[in-house]
Amino acid sequence: RRGSGRGTEPPSVSLSSLDEWRECPYRHWCRNNIRLPGHDRKLYDPLKAGSLLHLLWERCWQGYLSSGA
């Protein structure tokens, strides 16, 4: 049960909520204050996105280095 923060009772906070806030205060605010749903893992895979970015940077640097600049 969450406290309302009104009156004499302090609001209650879960440890997982504090961990989420520590990780990313903006994401915590979006989820808990304006109640935005989380992203769909089927549409975005962080591992694939990271691999794609690494490949992109590798190709950019290869092009830059081979141009003799």
PDB file of N, CA and C in Angstrom:
ATOM      1  N   ARG A   1       0.849  -1.179   0.000  1.00  0.00           N
ATOM      2  CA  ARG A   1       0.000   0.000   0.000  1.00  0.00           C
ATOM      3  C   ARG A   1       0.886   1.230   0.000  1.00  0.00           C
ATOM      4  N   ARG A   2       0.607   2.125  -0.892  1.00  0.00           N
ATOM      5  CA  ARG A   2       1.415   3.338  -0.988  1.00  0.00           C
ATOM      6  C   ARG A   2       0.774   4.464  -0.195  1.00  0.00           C
ATOM      7  N   GLY A   3       1.610   5.208   0.523  1.00  0.00           N
ATOM      8  CA  GLY A   3       1.113   6.370   1.236  1.00  0.00           C
ATOM      9  C   GLY A   3       0.844   7.503   0.263  1.00  0.00           C
ATOM     10  N   SER A   4      -0.055   8.373   0.612  1.00  0.00           N
ATOM     11  CA  SER A   4      -0.418   9.470  -0.283  1.00  0.00           C
ATOM     12  C   SER A   4       0.509  10.666  -0.120  1.00  0.00           C
ATOM     13  N   GLY A   5       1.280  10.676   0.961  1.00  0.00           N
ATOM     14  CA  GLY A   5       2.146  11.815   1.201  1.00  0.00           C
ATOM     15  C   GLY A   5       1.412  12.968   1.858  1.00  0.00           C
ATOM     16  N   ARG A   6       0.100  12.821   2.064  1.00  0.00           N
ATOM     17  CA  ARG A   6      -0.690  13.865   2.712  1.00  0.00           C
ATOM     18  C   ARG A   6      -0.896  13.490   4.176  1.00  0.00           C
ATOM     19  N   GLY A   7      -1.007  14.438   4.998  1.00  0.00           N
ATOM     20  CA  GLY A   7      -1.239  14.159   6.412  1.00  0.00           C
ATOM     21  C   GLY A   7       0.067  13.858   7.124  1.00  0.00           C
ATOM     22  N   THR A   8      -0.014  12.970   8.108  1.00  0.00           N
ATOM     23  CA  THR A   8       1.154  12.705   8.940  1.00  0.00           C
ATOM     24  C   THR A   8       1.972  11.509   8.484  1.00  0.00           C
ATOM     25  N   GLU A   9       1.392  10.628   7.660  1.00  0.00           N
ATOM     26  CA  GLU A   9       2.130   9.442   7.212  1.00  0.00           C
ATOM     27  C   GLU A   9       3.050   9.784   6.046  1.00  0.00           C
ATOM     28  N   PRO A  10       4.322   9.432   6.154  1.00  0.00           N
ATOM     29  CA  PRO A  10       5.218   9.657   5.013  1.00  0.00           C
ATOM     30  C   PRO A  10       4.880   8.668   3.893  1.00  0.00           C
ATOM     31  N   PRO A  11       5.135   9.049   2.645  1.00  0.00           N
ATOM     32  CA  PRO A  11       4.856   8.123   1.546  1.00  0.00           C
ATOM     33  C   PRO A  11       5.760   6.897   1.646  1.00  0.00           C
ATOM     34  N   SER A  12       5.236   5.739   1.283  1.00  0.00           N
ATOM     35  CA  SER A  12       6.055   4.524   1.309  1.00  0.00           C
ATOM     36  C   SER A  12       6.736   4.346  -0.045  1.00  0.00           C
ATOM     37  N   VAL A  13       7.941   3.820  -0.004  1.00  0.00           N
ATOM     38  CA  VAL A  13       8.731   3.612  -1.215  1.00  0.00           C
ATOM     39  C   VAL A  13       9.334   2.219  -1.149  1.00  0.00           C
ATOM     40  N   SER A  14       9.214   1.470  -2.242  1.00  0.00           N
ATOM     41  CA  SER A  14       9.790   0.126  -2.264  1.00  0.00           C
ATOM     42  C   SER A  14      11.271   0.193  -2.640  1.00  0.00           C
ATOM     43  N   LEU A  15      12.015  -0.815  -2.241  1.00  0.00           N
ATOM     44  CA  LEU A  15      13.435  -0.867  -2.598  1.00  0.00           C
ATOM     45  C   LEU A  15      13.620  -0.973  -4.105  1.00  0.00           C
ATOM     46  N   SER A  16      12.753  -1.732  -4.775  1.00  0.00           N
ATOM     47  CA  SER A  16      12.878  -1.848  -6.232  1.00  0.00           C
ATOM     48  C   SER A  16      12.622  -0.505  -6.905  1.00  0.00           C
ATOM     49  N   SER A  17      11.729   0.291  -6.334  1.00  0.00           N
ATOM     50  CA  SER A  17      11.471   1.622  -6.871  1.00  0.00           C
ATOM     51  C   SER A  17      12.700   2.518  -6.703  1.00  0.00           C
ATOM     52  N   LEU A  18      13.365   2.405  -5.560  1.00  0.00           N
ATOM     53  CA  LEU A  18      14.596   3.180  -5.347  1.00  0.00           C
ATOM     54  C   LEU A  18      15.702   2.738  -6.301  1.00  0.00           C
ATOM     55  N   ASP A  19      15.799   1.425  -6.530  1.00  0.00           N
ATOM     56  CA  ASP A  19      16.793   0.915  -7.480  1.00  0.00           C
ATOM     57  C   ASP A  19      16.522   1.452  -8.877  1.00  0.00           C
ATOM     58  N   GLU A  20      15.247   1.457  -9.271  1.00  0.00           N
ATOM     59  CA  GLU A  20      14.890   1.978 -10.590  1.00  0.00           C
ATOM     60  C   GLU A  20      15.234   3.463 -10.684  1.00  0.00           C
ATOM     61  N   TRP A  21      14.940   4.218  -9.644  1.00  0.00           N
ATOM     62  CA  TRP A  21      15.253   5.650  -9.637  1.00  0.00           C
ATOM     63  C   TRP A  21      16.762   5.881  -9.727  1.00  0.00           C
ATOM     64  N   ARG A  22      17.531   5.061  -8.994  1.00  0.00           N
ATOM     65  CA  ARG A  22      18.992   5.196  -9.016  1.00  0.00           C
ATOM     66  C   ARG A  22      19.528   4.905 -10.415  1.00  0.00           C
ATOM     67  N   GLU A  23      18.937   3.909 -11.081  1.00  0.00           N
ATOM     68  CA  GLU A  23      19.378   3.534 -12.423  1.00  0.00           C
ATOM     69  C   GLU A  23      19.076   4.625 -13.440  1.00  0.00           C
ATOM     70  N   CYS A  24      17.840   5.151 -13.396  1.00  0.00           N
ATOM     71  CA  CYS A  24      17.447   6.181 -14.365  1.00  0.00           C
ATOM     72  C   CYS A  24      16.288   6.996 -13.786  1.00  0.00           C
ATOM     73  N   PRO A  25      16.580   8.152 -13.196  1.00  0.00           N
ATOM     74  CA  PRO A  25      15.518   8.964 -12.594  1.00  0.00           C
ATOM     75  C   PRO A  25      14.414   9.350 -13.581  1.00  0.00           C
ATOM     76  N   TYR A  26      14.777   9.597 -14.834  1.00  0.00           N
ATOM     77  CA  TYR A  26      13.763   9.980 -15.825  1.00  0.00           C
ATOM     78  C   TYR A  26      12.805   8.827 -16.103  1.00  0.00           C
ATOM     79  N   ARG A  27      13.334   7.616 -16.291  1.00  0.00           N
ATOM     80  CA  ARG A  27      12.479   6.453 -16.532  1.00  0.00           C
ATOM     81  C   ARG A  27      11.561   6.218 -15.325  1.00  0.00           C
ATOM     82  N   HIS A  28      12.124   6.350 -14.122  1.00  0.00           N
ATOM     83  CA  HIS A  28      11.323   6.190 -12.903  1.00  0.00           C
ATOM     84  C   HIS A  28      10.182   7.199 -12.881  1.00  0.00           C
ATOM     85  N   TRP A  29      10.464   8.440 -13.225  1.00  0.00           N
ATOM     86  CA  TRP A  29       9.441   9.482 -13.246  1.00  0.00           C
ATOM     87  C   TRP A  29       8.363   9.155 -14.277  1.00  0.00           C
ATOM     88  N   CYS A  30       8.784   8.718 -15.472  1.00  0.00           N
ATOM     89  CA  CYS A  30       7.815   8.391 -16.525  1.00  0.00           C
ATOM     90  C   CYS A  30       6.900   7.245 -16.110  1.00  0.00           C
ATOM     91  N   ARG A  31       7.460   6.238 -15.494  1.00  0.00           N
ATOM     92  CA  ARG A  31       6.652   5.076 -15.095  1.00  0.00           C
ATOM     93  C   ARG A  31       5.748   5.371 -13.904  1.00  0.00           C
ATOM     94  N   ASN A  32       6.248   6.112 -12.933  1.00  0.00           N
ATOM     95  CA  ASN A  32       5.523   6.277 -11.679  1.00  0.00           C
ATOM     96  C   ASN A  32       4.721   7.567 -11.562  1.00  0.00           C
ATOM     97  N   ASN A  33       5.111   8.613 -12.263  1.00  0.00           N
ATOM     98  CA  ASN A  33       4.388   9.874 -12.150  1.00  0.00           C
ATOM     99  C   ASN A  33       3.369  10.053 -13.270  1.00  0.00           C
ATOM    100  N   ILE A  34       3.778   9.772 -14.503  1.00  0.00           N
ATOM    101  CA  ILE A  34       2.827   9.945 -15.605  1.00  0.00           C
ATOM    102  C   ILE A  34       2.354   8.605 -16.163  1.00  0.00           C
ATOM    103  N   ARG A  35       2.807   7.515 -15.551  1.00  0.00           N
ATOM    104  CA  ARG A  35       2.313   6.156 -15.829  1.00  0.00           C
ATOM    105  C   ARG A  35       2.477   5.721 -17.288  1.00  0.00           C
ATOM    106  N   LEU A  36       3.620   6.047 -17.891  1.00  0.00           N
ATOM    107  CA  LEU A  36       3.896   5.546 -19.240  1.00  0.00           C
ATOM    108  C   LEU A  36       4.246   4.068 -19.158  1.00  0.00           C
ATOM    109  N   PRO A  37       3.754   3.266 -20.091  1.00  0.00           N
ATOM    110  CA  PRO A  37       4.131   1.845 -20.083  1.00  0.00           C
ATOM    111  C   PRO A  37       5.574   1.682 -20.546  1.00  0.00           C
ATOM    112  N   GLY A  38       6.198   0.576 -20.185  1.00  0.00           N
ATOM    113  CA  GLY A  38       7.555   0.286 -20.634  1.00  0.00           C
ATOM    114  C   GLY A  38       7.584  -0.002 -22.128  1.00  0.00           C
ATOM    115  N   HIS A  39       8.775  -0.025 -22.710  1.00  0.00           N
ATOM    116  CA  HIS A  39       8.881  -0.297 -24.144  1.00  0.00           C
ATOM    117  C   HIS A  39       8.691  -1.784 -24.427  1.00  0.00           C
ATOM    118  N   ASP A  40       8.300  -2.075 -25.649  1.00  0.00           N
ATOM    119  CA  ASP A  40       8.045  -3.445 -26.078  1.00  0.00           C
ATOM    120  C   ASP A  40       9.366  -4.083 -26.503  1.00  0.00           C
ATOM    121  N   ARG A  41       9.791  -5.109 -25.794  1.00  0.00           N
ATOM    122  CA  ARG A  41      11.066  -5.783 -26.086  1.00  0.00           C
ATOM    123  C   ARG A  41      11.083  -6.399 -27.480  1.00  0.00           C
ATOM    124  N   LYS A  42       9.906  -6.712 -28.032  1.00  0.00           N
ATOM    125  CA  LYS A  42       9.864  -7.287 -29.376  1.00  0.00           C
ATOM    126  C   LYS A  42      10.290  -6.261 -30.419  1.00  0.00           C
ATOM    127  N   LEU A  43      10.043  -4.986 -30.128  1.00  0.00           N
ATOM    128  CA  LEU A  43      10.368  -3.935 -31.084  1.00  0.00           C
ATOM    129  C   LEU A  43      11.789  -3.410 -30.913  1.00  0.00           C
ATOM    130  N   TYR A  44      12.356  -3.532 -29.740  1.00  0.00           N
ATOM    131  CA  TYR A  44      13.689  -2.994 -29.473  1.00  0.00           C
ATOM    132  C   TYR A  44      14.476  -3.994 -28.646  1.00  0.00           C
ATOM    133  N   ASP A  45      15.590  -4.433 -29.200  1.00  0.00           N
ATOM    134  CA  ASP A  45      16.470  -5.364 -28.497  1.00  0.00           C
ATOM    135  C   ASP A  45      17.789  -4.644 -28.239  1.00  0.00           C
ATOM    136  N   PRO A  46      18.117  -4.330 -26.978  1.00  0.00           N
ATOM    137  CA  PRO A  46      19.333  -3.579 -26.676  1.00  0.00           C
ATOM    138  C   PRO A  46      20.601  -4.248 -27.199  1.00  0.00           C
ATOM    139  N   LEU A  47      20.662  -5.575 -27.186  1.00  0.00           N
ATOM    140  CA  LEU A  47      21.855  -6.265 -27.679  1.00  0.00           C
ATOM    141  C   LEU A  47      22.026  -6.065 -29.180  1.00  0.00           C
ATOM    142  N   LYS A  48      20.933  -6.175 -29.922  1.00  0.00           N
ATOM    143  CA  LYS A  48      21.005  -5.961 -31.374  1.00  0.00           C
ATOM    144  C   LYS A  48      21.331  -4.504 -31.689  1.00  0.00           C
ATOM    145  N   ALA A  49      20.738  -3.590 -30.943  1.00  0.00           N
ATOM    146  CA  ALA A  49      21.005  -2.168 -31.164  1.00  0.00           C
ATOM    147  C   ALA A  49      22.474  -1.851 -30.900  1.00  0.00           C
ATOM    148  N   GLY A  50      23.035  -2.409 -29.834  1.00  0.00           N
ATOM    149  CA  GLY A  50      24.450  -2.188 -29.524  1.00  0.00           C
ATOM    150  C   GLY A  50      25.357  -2.770 -30.588  1.00  0.00           C
ATOM    151  N   SER A  51      25.036  -3.964 -31.072  1.00  0.00           N
ATOM    152  CA  SER A  51      25.836  -4.583 -32.136  1.00  0.00           C
ATOM    153  C   SER A  51      25.779  -3.752 -33.408  1.00  0.00           C
ATOM    154  N   LEU A  52      24.600  -3.234 -33.723  1.00  0.00           N
ATOM    155  CA  LEU A  52      24.457  -2.392 -34.907  1.00  0.00           C
ATOM    156  C   LEU A  52      25.288  -1.117 -34.776  1.00  0.00           C
ATOM    157  N   LEU A  53      25.270  -0.504 -33.604  1.00  0.00           N
ATOM    158  CA  LEU A  53      26.068   0.712 -33.402  1.00  0.00           C
ATOM    159  C   LEU A  53      27.565   0.427 -33.513  1.00  0.00           C
ATOM    160  N   HIS A  54      28.013  -0.704 -32.976  1.00  0.00           N
ATOM    161  CA  HIS A  54      29.425  -1.069 -33.088  1.00  0.00           C
ATOM    162  C   HIS A  54      29.812  -1.279 -34.546  1.00  0.00           C
ATOM    163  N   LEU A  55      28.957  -1.950 -35.308  1.00  0.00           N
ATOM    164  CA  LEU A  55      29.220  -2.172 -36.728  1.00  0.00           C
ATOM    165  C   LEU A  55      29.271  -0.847 -37.479  1.00  0.00           C
ATOM    166  N   LEU A  56      28.351   0.045 -37.178  1.00  0.00           N
ATOM    167  CA  LEU A  56      28.324   1.359 -37.816  1.00  0.00           C
ATOM    168  C   LEU A  56      29.610   2.135 -37.539  1.00  0.00           C
ATOM    169  N   TRP A  57      30.041   2.183 -36.269  1.00  0.00           N
ATOM    170  CA  TRP A  57      31.276   2.888 -35.926  1.00  0.00           C
ATOM    171  C   TRP A  57      32.492   2.241 -36.589  1.00  0.00           C
ATOM    172  N   GLU A  58      32.524   0.917 -36.628  1.00  0.00           N
ATOM    173  CA  GLU A  58      33.638   0.221 -37.267  1.00  0.00           C
ATOM    174  C   GLU A  58      33.734   0.609 -38.741  1.00  0.00           C
ATOM    175  N   ARG A  59      32.622   0.614 -39.437  1.00  0.00           N
ATOM    176  CA  ARG A  59      32.623   0.978 -40.864  1.00  0.00           C
ATOM    177  C   ARG A  59      32.976   2.443 -41.071  1.00  0.00           C
ATOM    178  N   CYS A  60      32.503   3.307 -40.187  1.00  0.00           N
ATOM    179  CA  CYS A  60      32.854   4.732 -40.298  1.00  0.00           C
ATOM    180  C   CYS A  60      34.360   4.929 -40.143  1.00  0.00           C
ATOM    181  N   TRP A  61      34.955   4.298 -39.135  1.00  0.00           N
ATOM    182  CA  TRP A  61      36.389   4.440 -38.906  1.00  0.00           C
ATOM    183  C   TRP A  61      37.198   3.800 -40.027  1.00  0.00           C
ATOM    184  N   GLN A  62      36.759   2.657 -40.539  1.00  0.00           N
ATOM    185  CA  GLN A  62      37.467   2.029 -41.659  1.00  0.00           C
ATOM    186  C   GLN A  62      37.464   2.955 -42.868  1.00  0.00           C
ATOM    187  N   GLY A  63      36.329   3.564 -43.147  1.00  0.00           N
ATOM    188  CA  GLY A  63      36.239   4.504 -44.262  1.00  0.00           C
ATOM    189  C   GLY A  63      37.124   5.716 -44.049  1.00  0.00           C
ATOM    190  N   TYR A  64      37.131   6.235 -42.850  1.00  0.00           N
ATOM    191  CA  TYR A  64      37.941   7.405 -42.524  1.00  0.00           C
ATOM    192  C   TYR A  64      39.432   7.086 -42.644  1.00  0.00           C
ATOM    193  N   LEU A  65      39.853   5.955 -42.091  1.00  0.00           N
ATOM    194  CA  LEU A  65      41.269   5.588 -42.111  1.00  0.00           C
ATOM    195  C   LEU A  65      41.744   5.227 -43.514  1.00  0.00           C
ATOM    196  N   SER A  66      40.884   4.605 -44.313  1.00  0.00           N
ATOM    197  CA  SER A  66      41.298   4.229 -45.669  1.00  0.00           C
ATOM    198  C   SER A  66      41.313   5.426 -46.614  1.00  0.00           C
ATOM    199  N   SER A  67      40.672   6.530 -46.228  1.00  0.00           N
ATOM    200  CA  SER A  67      40.665   7.723 -47.079  1.00  0.00           C
ATOM    201  C   SER A  67      41.967   8.510 -46.951  1.00  0.00           C
ATOM    202  N   GLY A  68      42.785   8.165 -45.967  1.00  0.00           N
ATOM    203  CA  GLY A  68      44.058   8.849 -45.775  1.00  0.00           C
ATOM    204  C   GLY A  68      43.918  10.189 -45.079  1.00  0.00           C
ATOM    205  N   ALA A  69      42.807  10.442 -44.477  1.00  0.00           N
ATOM    206  CA  ALA A  69      42.580  11.732 -43.811  1.00  0.00           C
ATOM    207  C   ALA A  69      43.328  11.823 -42.506  1.00  0.00           C
TER     208      ALA A  69
END
